Amino acid sequence: RSARPTIACRMHEASPARWQTCLEFVAAVWVALCSVVRTLSRVVWERFLETRAQKAMRLARTAACKEAQKPPKPAPKATLAQRRATDRAQAEAMAAQKREAQEREAQEAAAR
């Protein structure tokens, strides 16, 4: 065995001031690392959100383009009741016109 002590064995010989300096250095490195990690994670998160927003906008644009390319939908067909009501209204309008025409003719004939 060598008579020379190892570095690990000599650590207890370091002065308290040296330990304090070492601990302060380690603490400073730790704070710096935490700051870097916090900044990087914020940047990565912002980039992720930005990418998601861009993707959502792209999907919305694509959907709008597809919707614009579709042919217009045909008007829904009227139900039987609606058709009958329309026919009835038209028939009543024609009957009223006919009555008015007959009344005018009767007035013209009476005026002669």
Foldseek 3Di string as FASTA:
>chain_A
DDPDDDPVVCVVVDDVVVVVVVVVVVVVVVVVVVVVVVVVVVVVVVVVVVVVVVVVVVVVVVVVVVVVPDDDDDDDDDDPVVVVVVVVVVVVVVVVVVVVVVVVVVVVVVVD
